[in-house]
Amino acid sequence: MLAIPAVDLREGHVVQLVGGEFSREELRLTDPLRIARQWANAGFSRLHLVDLDGATGRGSNRDAITQILWDGAAPCQVGGGVRTEDDVHALLEAGAACVVLGTRALEDPDWLAQISLDHPGQCMLAADVRERRITTRGWTRTLSRDVLSVLDDVSDLPLAGLLVTAVHREGRMQGTDLPLMEDVVDASPFPVFASGGIGSLADLRALEDRGVAAAIVGMALYTGAIDPRVLAEEFPS
C-alpha cells in the first residue's frame, strides 16, 4: 500500500480541516511549495493536492498547484474544483500524474464518462462520504445515493482509481471507517484510495489488510502523530 501526504490548499496556505467543516480549520501553514518539497524529501513518492477554494467556489489555488507541479519534487494527483475538460487538460499539461474528479463527475455521469474515455487511466473519481451517502460541492450538498450504487454505475469506465473519503472522520485522527473501506474494496474494480481519520500506523496497517491500494494522510503527519520518514519507509508502494 502507498501512503500519500495530503496538501490541502486554502487561500494560498496549506490547511487541515476537521469533519469536512470550513469553520473548523485546525492548522494553517504558509508556502505550499516548501511543504510539498518537505514531504518529497521525507521519502514520499506521490502527493495529493486539493484546491479547497476551487471545490467550494470560493476562489482558486491553481497558481500554487501549478508551481508545485512544475517543481516536480514528487508526482502529484490533483483535485478540487475540476469542472471542465479545459481544467483536466490544463492540470495534465502542467504535470499532474492524475486528476481527481469530484462534484461534477458525481452529478453529471455523462461528463465523467466522456472525460475518462478521453483520458484513460489519468482520472480518478473522488467520493466524499458521510455515513455512506455521497456529499458534493465541498461537503455542502448530500446526495440520496450511497457510494456502492455510484460504484456500480462507473465500474466500466477506464478510471485510475476510486478515492473514498470518510468525511465524518476527517481530521479527527480517531481511525478511519474500516467497514466502509472494506465494502468498497470488495465492490471496486479499481484501486481504492482511502482518506479520513487516519491517526496511526495501526490505522494504515488495517487499511492495507483490507486491500486498500493507497491511503491519504493529513492531520497525523502535520501534527507529528506519525513520523513521516517511518511512514514513507513502511508504505512505499
Protein backbone atom coordinates (compact mmCIF):
# COMPACT_ATOMS: atom_id res chain seq x y z
CA MET A 1 0.00 0.00 0.00
CA LEU A 2 1.12 3.53 -0.77
CA ALA A 3 0.95 6.35 1.80
CA ILE A 4 0.32 9.78 0.27
CA PRO A 5 0.57 13.09 2.14
CA ALA A 6 -2.36 15.48 1.70
CA VAL A 7 -1.58 19.04 0.68
CA ASP A 8 -4.92 20.83 1.09
CA LEU A 9 -4.85 24.42 -0.16
CA ARG A 10 -6.98 27.30 1.09
CA GLU A 11 -6.33 30.98 0.42
CA GLY A 12 -2.78 30.17 -0.65
CA HIS A 13 -1.98 28.23 2.53
CA VAL A 14 -1.77 24.55 3.44
CA VAL A 15 -4.57 23.74 5.88
CA GLN A 16 -6.24 20.86 7.67
CA LEU A 17 -9.97 20.83 8.39
CA VAL A 18 -11.96 18.71 10.84
CA GLY A 19 -15.12 16.86 9.86
CA GLY A 20 -15.39 18.48 6.46
CA GLU A 21 -16.29 21.82 8.03
CA PHE A 22 -14.62 25.01 6.80
CA SER A 23 -15.29 26.65 10.16
CA ARG A 24 -13.07 24.04 11.82
CA GLU A 25 -9.65 24.80 10.40
CA GLU A 26 -7.14 23.29 12.83
CA LEU A 27 -3.91 24.03 11.00
CA ARG A 28 -2.62 26.67 8.57
CA LEU A 29 0.89 26.79 7.09
CA THR A 30 2.49 29.18 4.64
CA ASP A 31 4.46 28.29 1.49
CA PRO A 32 2.77 25.26 -0.13
CA LEU A 33 5.80 24.61 -2.33
CA ARG A 34 8.00 24.26 0.75
CA ILE A 35 5.52 21.81 2.27
CA ALA A 36 5.41 19.73 -0.93
CA ARG A 37 9.20 19.59 -1.04
CA GLN A 38 9.27 18.65 2.64
CA TRP A 39 7.11 15.58 2.04
CA ALA A 40 9.08 14.60 -1.07
CA ASN A 41 12.34 14.89 0.87
CA ALA A 42 10.89 12.67 3.59
CA GLY A 43 10.65 9.90 1.02
CA PHE A 44 7.07 10.02 -0.24
CA SER A 45 6.67 9.10 -3.89
CA ARG A 46 3.33 10.85 -4.50
CA LEU A 47 1.42 13.86 -3.15
CA HIS A 48 -2.32 14.57 -3.03
CA LEU A 49 -3.09 18.22 -3.85
CA VAL A 50 -6.58 19.61 -3.23
CA ASP A 51 -7.84 23.10 -4.05
CA LEU A 52 -10.41 23.57 -1.28
CA ASP A 53 -11.40 27.03 -2.52
CA GLY A 54 -11.96 25.65 -6.01
CA ALA A 55 -14.07 22.82 -4.63
CA THR A 56 -16.41 25.23 -2.87
CA GLY A 57 -16.43 28.06 -5.41
CA ARG A 58 -14.66 30.41 -3.03
CA GLY A 59 -11.67 31.06 -5.28
CA SER A 60 -8.68 29.26 -6.73
CA ASN A 61 -5.27 27.99 -5.69
CA ARG A 62 -4.36 26.97 -9.22
CA ASP A 63 -1.19 29.11 -9.26
CA ALA A 64 0.18 27.40 -6.15
CA ILE A 65 -0.75 23.99 -7.54
CA THR A 66 0.91 24.72 -10.86
CA GLN A 67 4.05 25.85 -9.07
CA ILE A 68 4.21 22.55 -7.19
CA LEU A 69 3.62 20.57 -10.37
CA TRP A 70 6.30 22.44 -12.28
CA ASP A 71 8.75 21.98 -9.40
CA GLY A 72 8.47 18.22 -9.84
CA ALA A 73 9.57 17.23 -6.33
CA ALA A 74 7.15 14.28 -6.50
CA PRO A 75 4.35 13.12 -8.79
CA CYS A 76 1.01 14.63 -7.77
CA GLN A 77 -2.65 13.74 -8.05
CA VAL A 78 -4.70 16.92 -8.12
CA GLY A 79 -8.36 17.71 -7.41
CA GLY A 80 -10.73 20.37 -6.16
CA GLY A 81 -12.85 22.49 -8.47
CA VAL A 82 -12.16 20.47 -11.61
CA ARG A 83 -15.33 21.15 -13.59
CA THR A 84 -14.38 21.26 -17.29
CA GLU A 85 -12.39 19.49 -19.96
CA ASP A 86 -10.09 22.53 -20.01
CA ASP A 87 -9.42 22.09 -16.27
CA VAL A 88 -8.43 18.46 -16.79
CA HIS A 89 -6.26 19.26 -19.79
CA ALA A 90 -4.51 22.15 -18.04
CA LEU A 91 -3.61 20.07 -14.99
CA LEU A 92 -2.30 17.19 -17.07
CA GLU A 93 -0.31 19.59 -19.23
CA ALA A 94 1.16 21.17 -16.09
CA GLY A 95 2.40 17.75 -15.00
CA ALA A 96 -0.30 16.17 -12.83
CA ALA A 97 0.09 12.40 -12.71
CA CYS A 98 -3.64 12.06 -12.19
CA VAL A 99 -6.65 14.39 -11.99
CA VAL A 100 -9.16 13.78 -9.22
CA LEU A 101 -12.78 14.41 -10.23
CA GLY A 102 -15.46 15.01 -7.64
CA THR A 103 -18.58 17.16 -7.72
CA ARG A 104 -19.27 17.41 -11.45
CA ALA A 105 -18.28 13.80 -12.04
CA LEU A 106 -20.80 12.64 -9.44
CA GLU A 107 -23.58 14.99 -10.52
CA ASP A 108 -23.04 14.61 -14.29
CA PRO A 109 -22.30 10.93 -15.12
CA ASP A 110 -22.19 11.59 -18.88
CA TRP A 111 -19.42 14.16 -18.37
CA LEU A 112 -17.45 11.71 -16.23
CA ALA A 113 -17.79 9.01 -18.87
CA GLN A 114 -16.56 11.29 -21.65
CA ILE A 115 -13.64 12.68 -19.64
CA SER A 116 -12.48 9.25 -18.53
CA LEU A 117 -12.67 7.91 -22.09
CA ASP A 118 -10.73 10.92 -23.39
CA HIS A 119 -8.06 10.46 -20.70
CA PRO A 120 -7.96 6.74 -19.89
CA GLY A 121 -6.07 5.91 -16.72
CA GLN A 122 -5.46 9.59 -15.91
CA CYS A 123 -8.60 10.44 -13.93
CA MET A 124 -9.68 9.27 -10.50
CA LEU A 125 -13.19 9.54 -9.07
CA ALA A 126 -13.42 11.08 -5.60
CA ALA A 127 -16.38 10.07 -3.46
CA ASP A 128 -16.68 12.10 -0.27
CA VAL A 129 -18.93 10.14 2.06
CA ARG A 130 -20.84 10.84 5.27
CA GLU A 131 -22.35 7.64 6.66
CA ARG A 132 -22.05 6.14 3.16
CA ARG A 133 -24.02 8.89 1.43
CA ILE A 134 -22.23 10.95 -1.19
CA THR A 135 -21.52 14.62 -0.48
CA THR A 136 -20.56 17.17 -3.15
CA ARG A 137 -19.78 20.88 -3.57
CA GLY A 138 -17.23 20.96 -0.80
CA TRP A 139 -19.36 18.80 1.53
CA THR A 140 -22.31 21.22 1.40
CA ARG A 141 -24.69 19.01 -0.59
CA THR A 142 -25.65 15.44 0.32
CA LEU A 143 -26.96 13.20 -2.44
CA SER A 144 -29.53 10.47 -1.93
CA ARG A 145 -27.17 7.86 -3.36
CA ASP A 146 -24.62 5.81 -1.46
CA VAL A 147 -21.08 5.12 -2.59
CA LEU A 148 -21.71 1.50 -3.63
CA SER A 149 -24.51 2.46 -6.02
CA VAL A 150 -22.23 5.06 -7.62
CA LEU A 151 -19.55 2.43 -7.97
CA ASP A 152 -21.96 0.18 -9.86
CA ASP A 153 -22.55 2.94 -12.42
CA VAL A 154 -18.88 3.70 -13.12
CA SER A 155 -17.38 0.21 -12.99
CA ASP A 156 -16.91 0.02 -16.77
CA LEU A 157 -15.04 3.33 -17.08
CA PRO A 158 -11.22 3.48 -17.52
CA LEU A 159 -10.59 5.25 -14.23
CA ALA A 160 -7.22 5.32 -12.46
CA GLY A 161 -8.86 4.65 -9.12
CA LEU A 162 -11.57 5.50 -6.62
CA LEU A 163 -10.80 7.85 -3.73
CA VAL A 164 -13.18 7.42 -0.81
CA THR A 165 -13.03 9.99 1.97
CA ALA A 166 -14.88 9.29 5.19
CA VAL A 167 -15.74 12.96 5.77
CA HIS A 168 -17.26 12.24 9.19
CA ARG A 169 -13.81 11.03 10.30
CA GLU A 170 -11.77 13.73 8.53
CA GLY A 171 -9.08 15.38 10.66
CA ARG A 172 -10.09 13.62 13.87
CA MET A 173 -7.25 11.03 13.93
CA GLN A 174 -9.59 8.54 15.61
CA GLY A 175 -9.41 5.85 12.96
CA THR A 176 -10.97 5.58 9.55
CA ASP A 177 -14.25 3.88 8.62
CA LEU A 178 -12.94 0.34 8.13
CA PRO A 179 -16.30 -1.34 7.34
CA LEU A 180 -16.90 1.27 4.63
CA MET A 181 -13.47 0.81 3.09
CA GLU A 182 -13.72 -2.96 3.22
CA ASP A 183 -17.06 -2.94 1.40
CA VAL A 184 -15.77 -0.52 -1.23
CA VAL A 185 -12.66 -2.61 -1.88
CA ASP A 186 -14.80 -5.74 -2.28
CA ALA A 187 -17.03 -3.98 -4.83
CA SER A 188 -14.50 -1.92 -6.75
CA PRO A 189 -12.76 -2.95 -9.98
CA PHE A 190 -10.37 -0.01 -9.43
CA PRO A 191 -7.61 0.56 -6.89
CA VAL A 192 -9.18 2.13 -3.80
CA PHE A 193 -7.59 5.17 -2.15
CA ALA A 194 -8.78 5.75 1.43
CA SER A 195 -8.89 9.02 3.35
CA GLY A 196 -10.32 10.37 6.58
CA GLY A 197 -9.49 9.69 10.21
CA ILE A 198 -6.05 8.09 9.91
CA GLY A 199 -4.17 8.70 13.14
CA SER A 200 -1.61 5.93 13.50
CA LEU A 201 0.43 3.30 11.71
CA ALA A 202 -2.06 0.76 13.03
CA ASP A 203 -4.83 2.52 11.09
CA LEU A 204 -2.77 2.24 7.92
CA ARG A 205 -1.97 -1.42 8.50
CA ALA A 206 -5.68 -2.12 8.97
CA LEU A 207 -6.44 -0.47 5.64
CA GLU A 208 -3.67 -2.44 3.94
CA ASP A 209 -5.06 -5.68 5.40
CA ARG A 210 -8.40 -4.86 3.78
CA GLY A 211 -6.90 -4.43 0.32
CA VAL A 212 -6.74 -0.64 0.11
CA ALA A 213 -4.22 0.40 -2.55
CA ALA A 214 -3.27 3.79 -1.09
CA ALA A 215 -4.09 5.99 1.89
CA ILE A 216 -4.14 9.78 2.05
CA VAL A 217 -2.66 11.02 5.32
CA GLY A 218 -3.15 14.57 6.54
CA MET A 219 -3.55 15.66 10.15
CA ALA A 220 -1.47 12.81 11.59
CA LEU A 221 1.52 13.91 9.54
CA TYR A 222 1.14 17.63 10.17
CA THR A 223 0.79 17.18 13.93
CA GLY A 224 3.63 14.67 14.22
CA ALA A 225 1.36 11.84 15.39
CA ILE A 226 3.02 9.76 12.67
CA ASP A 227 6.71 10.11 11.87
CA PRO A 228 6.85 10.91 8.13
CA ARG A 229 10.07 9.00 7.43
CA VAL A 230 8.81 5.91 9.22
CA LEU A 231 5.55 6.12 7.28
CA ALA A 232 7.25 6.59 3.90
CA GLU A 233 9.56 3.67 4.61
CA GLU A 234 6.83 1.24 5.69
CA PHE A 235 4.34 2.14 2.91
CA PRO A 236 6.48 2.93 -0.16
CA SER A 237 4.38 1.28 -2.87
